[in-house]
C-alpha atoms as a PDB file:
ATOM      1  CA  MET A   1       2.519  -4.568 -12.199  1.00  0.00           C
ATOM      2  CA  LYS A   2       1.957  -1.600 -10.936  1.00  0.00           C
ATOM      3  CA  ILE A   3       0.088  -1.692  -7.390  1.00  0.00           C
ATOM      4  CA  GLU A   4      -3.279  -0.049  -8.549  1.00  0.00           C
ATOM      5  CA  GLU A   5      -3.424  -2.863 -10.668  1.00  0.00           C
ATOM      6  CA  ALA A   6      -2.867  -5.409  -7.913  1.00  0.00           C
ATOM      7  CA  PHE A   7      -5.299  -3.407  -5.966  1.00  0.00           C
ATOM      8  CA  ALA A   8      -7.975  -3.678  -8.590  1.00  0.00           C
ATOM      9  CA  ARG A   9      -8.697  -7.516  -7.859  1.00  0.00           C
ATOM     10  CA  TYR A  10     -10.192  -6.034  -4.269  1.00  0.00           C
ATOM     11  CA  LEU A  11     -12.226  -3.019  -5.430  1.00  0.00           C
ATOM     12  CA  GLY A  12     -15.193  -3.140  -2.779  1.00  0.00           C
ATOM     13  CA  GLN A  13     -13.675  -5.523  -0.488  1.00  0.00           C
ATOM     14  CA  GLU A  14     -12.612  -5.112   3.095  1.00  0.00           C
ATOM     15  CA  VAL A  15      -9.060  -5.130   3.473  1.00  0.00           C
ATOM     16  CA  LEU A  16      -6.212  -3.807   5.794  1.00  0.00           C
ATOM     17  CA  VAL A  17      -3.682  -1.346   4.337  1.00  0.00           C
ATOM     18  CA  TYR A  18      -0.364  -1.007   6.149  1.00  0.00           C
ATOM     19  CA  THR A  19       0.862   1.949   5.526  1.00  0.00           C
ATOM     20  CA  VAL A  20       3.792   3.882   6.797  1.00  0.00           C
ATOM     21  CA  SER A  21       5.188   7.671   7.084  1.00  0.00           C
ATOM     22  CA  GLN A  22       7.431   9.519   4.824  1.00  0.00           C
ATOM     23  CA  GLY A  23      10.133   9.214   7.566  1.00  0.00           C
ATOM     24  CA  GLY A  24       9.423   5.633   7.903  1.00  0.00           C
ATOM     25  CA  SER A  25       9.132   6.114  11.679  1.00  0.00           C
ATOM     26  CA  LEU A  26       5.231   5.651  12.228  1.00  0.00           C
ATOM     27  CA  SER A  27       3.288   2.608  10.619  1.00  0.00           C
ATOM     28  CA  SER A  28      -0.474   2.464  10.937  1.00  0.00           C
ATOM     29  CA  VAL A  29      -2.780  -0.209   9.960  1.00  0.00           C
ATOM     30  CA  ILE A  30      -6.101   0.735   8.108  1.00  0.00           C
ATOM     31  CA  ASP A  31      -9.212  -1.540   8.312  1.00  0.00           C
ATOM     32  CA  CYS A  32     -11.539  -0.292   5.618  1.00  0.00           C
ATOM     33  CA  THR A  33     -13.131  -0.924   2.157  1.00  0.00           C
ATOM     34  CA  LEU A  34     -11.573  -0.289  -0.873  1.00  0.00           C
ATOM     35  CA  GLU A  35     -13.721   1.877  -2.651  1.00  0.00           C
ATOM     36  CA  GLU A  36     -11.741   3.529  -5.757  1.00  0.00           C
ATOM     37  CA  ILE A  37      -7.962   3.458  -7.026  1.00  0.00           C
ATOM     38  CA  GLY A  38      -5.909   6.293  -8.899  1.00  0.00           C
ATOM     39  CA  ASP A  39      -2.961   7.102 -10.214  1.00  0.00           C
ATOM     40  CA  GLY A  40      -1.039   6.816  -6.979  1.00  0.00           C
ATOM     41  CA  TRP A  41      -3.617   7.000  -4.728  1.00  0.00           C
ATOM     42  CA  VAL A  42      -6.590   4.991  -3.327  1.00  0.00           C
ATOM     43  CA  SER A  43      -9.963   5.924  -1.749  1.00  0.00           C
ATOM     44  CA  VAL A  44     -11.359   4.059   1.336  1.00  0.00           C
ATOM     45  CA  THR A  45     -13.814   4.075   3.701  1.00  0.00           C
ATOM     46  CA  GLN A  46     -14.126   2.812   7.487  1.00  0.00           C
ATOM     47  CA  GLY A  47     -16.345   2.262  10.234  1.00  0.00           C
ATOM     48  CA  ASP A  48     -20.126   1.974  10.284  1.00  0.00           C
ATOM     49  CA  ASP A  49     -19.955   6.044   9.144  1.00  0.00           C
ATOM     50  CA  ARG A  50     -18.278   4.982   6.376  1.00  0.00           C
ATOM     51  CA  ASN A  51     -15.698   7.855   7.084  1.00  0.00           C
ATOM     52  CA  GLU A  52     -13.622   8.240   3.713  1.00  0.00           C
ATOM     53  CA  SER A  53      -9.635   8.498   2.926  1.00  0.00           C
ATOM     54  CA  ILE A  54      -7.298   8.672   0.382  1.00  0.00           C
ATOM     55  CA  VAL A  55      -4.046   6.998   0.962  1.00  0.00           C
ATOM     56  CA  ASN A  56      -0.881   7.803  -1.230  1.00  0.00           C
ATOM     57  CA  THR A  57      -0.001   4.115  -2.642  1.00  0.00           C
ATOM     58  CA  ALA A  58       3.706   5.245  -2.182  1.00  0.00           C
ATOM     59  CA  ASN A  59       3.160   4.933   1.640  1.00  0.00           C
ATOM     60  CA  ILE A  60       1.413   1.457   1.971  1.00  0.00           C
ATOM     61  CA  ILE A  61       4.112  -1.193   3.020  1.00  0.00           C
ATOM     62  CA  ARG A  62       1.199  -4.255   2.561  1.00  0.00           C
END
């Protein structure tokens, strides 16, 4: 199963996305709503202002 297929179950829901930098030294948690899934990326919105971010699925660890 591709990660995009797993994410499809959570579209429109509030989620926590755990990411790591390319070098593996920095990590962060994004408290967001999963809006859209593409080939290798996900679109999420955060906060009351609904700030949008695109996250590379290669950087998602949890």
